Protein backbone atom coordinates (compact mmCIF):
# COMPACT_ATOMS: atom_id res chain seq x y z
CA MET A 1 28.82 117.31 106.64
CA LYS A 2 29.52 113.97 108.29
CA LEU A 3 31.93 112.96 111.05
CA GLY A 4 31.72 109.36 112.20
CA SER A 5 28.07 108.74 113.02
CA TYR A 6 27.40 112.49 113.37
CA ARG A 7 25.70 114.03 110.36
CA GLN A 8 24.86 117.70 109.95
CA ILE A 9 22.87 119.05 107.02
CA ILE A 10 23.76 122.62 106.12
CA PRO A 11 21.05 124.39 104.15
CA ASN A 12 22.44 126.41 101.26
CA PRO A 13 19.62 128.26 99.48
CA HIS A 14 22.09 130.31 97.42
CA GLY A 15 23.57 127.30 95.60
CA LYS A 16 27.12 128.60 96.05
CA GLU A 17 30.03 127.25 98.04
CA ILE A 18 29.87 127.65 101.80
CA SER A 19 32.65 129.86 103.13
CA SER A 20 35.36 128.38 105.32
CA GLU A 21 34.40 130.87 108.05
CA LEU A 22 30.84 129.50 108.11
CA VAL A 23 32.16 125.92 108.28
CA LYS A 24 34.43 126.91 111.18
CA GLU A 25 31.48 128.48 113.03
CA ILE A 26 29.34 125.37 112.50
CA LEU A 27 32.16 123.14 113.77
CA LYS A 28 32.61 125.43 116.78
CA GLN A 29 28.92 125.20 117.66
CA ALA A 30 29.11 121.39 117.32
CA ASN A 31 32.21 121.30 119.58
CA ILE A 32 34.35 119.80 116.80
CA SER A 33 37.83 121.20 116.25
CA VAL A 34 39.05 121.94 112.73
CA LYS A 35 41.95 119.55 113.35
CA GLU A 36 39.53 116.78 114.39
CA TRP A 37 37.34 117.46 111.34
CA LEU A 38 40.24 117.35 108.91
CA ALA A 39 41.51 114.10 110.45
CA ALA A 40 38.13 112.38 109.94
């Protein structure tokens, strides 16, 4: 995941898609709103 100069690597040992709920939780912990993320 990348937003501007911010880059976050999300490990995915299962090789499947990451759920939208997990993405939302990661964004929440990074203090990035979904709206801000989608606008990037």
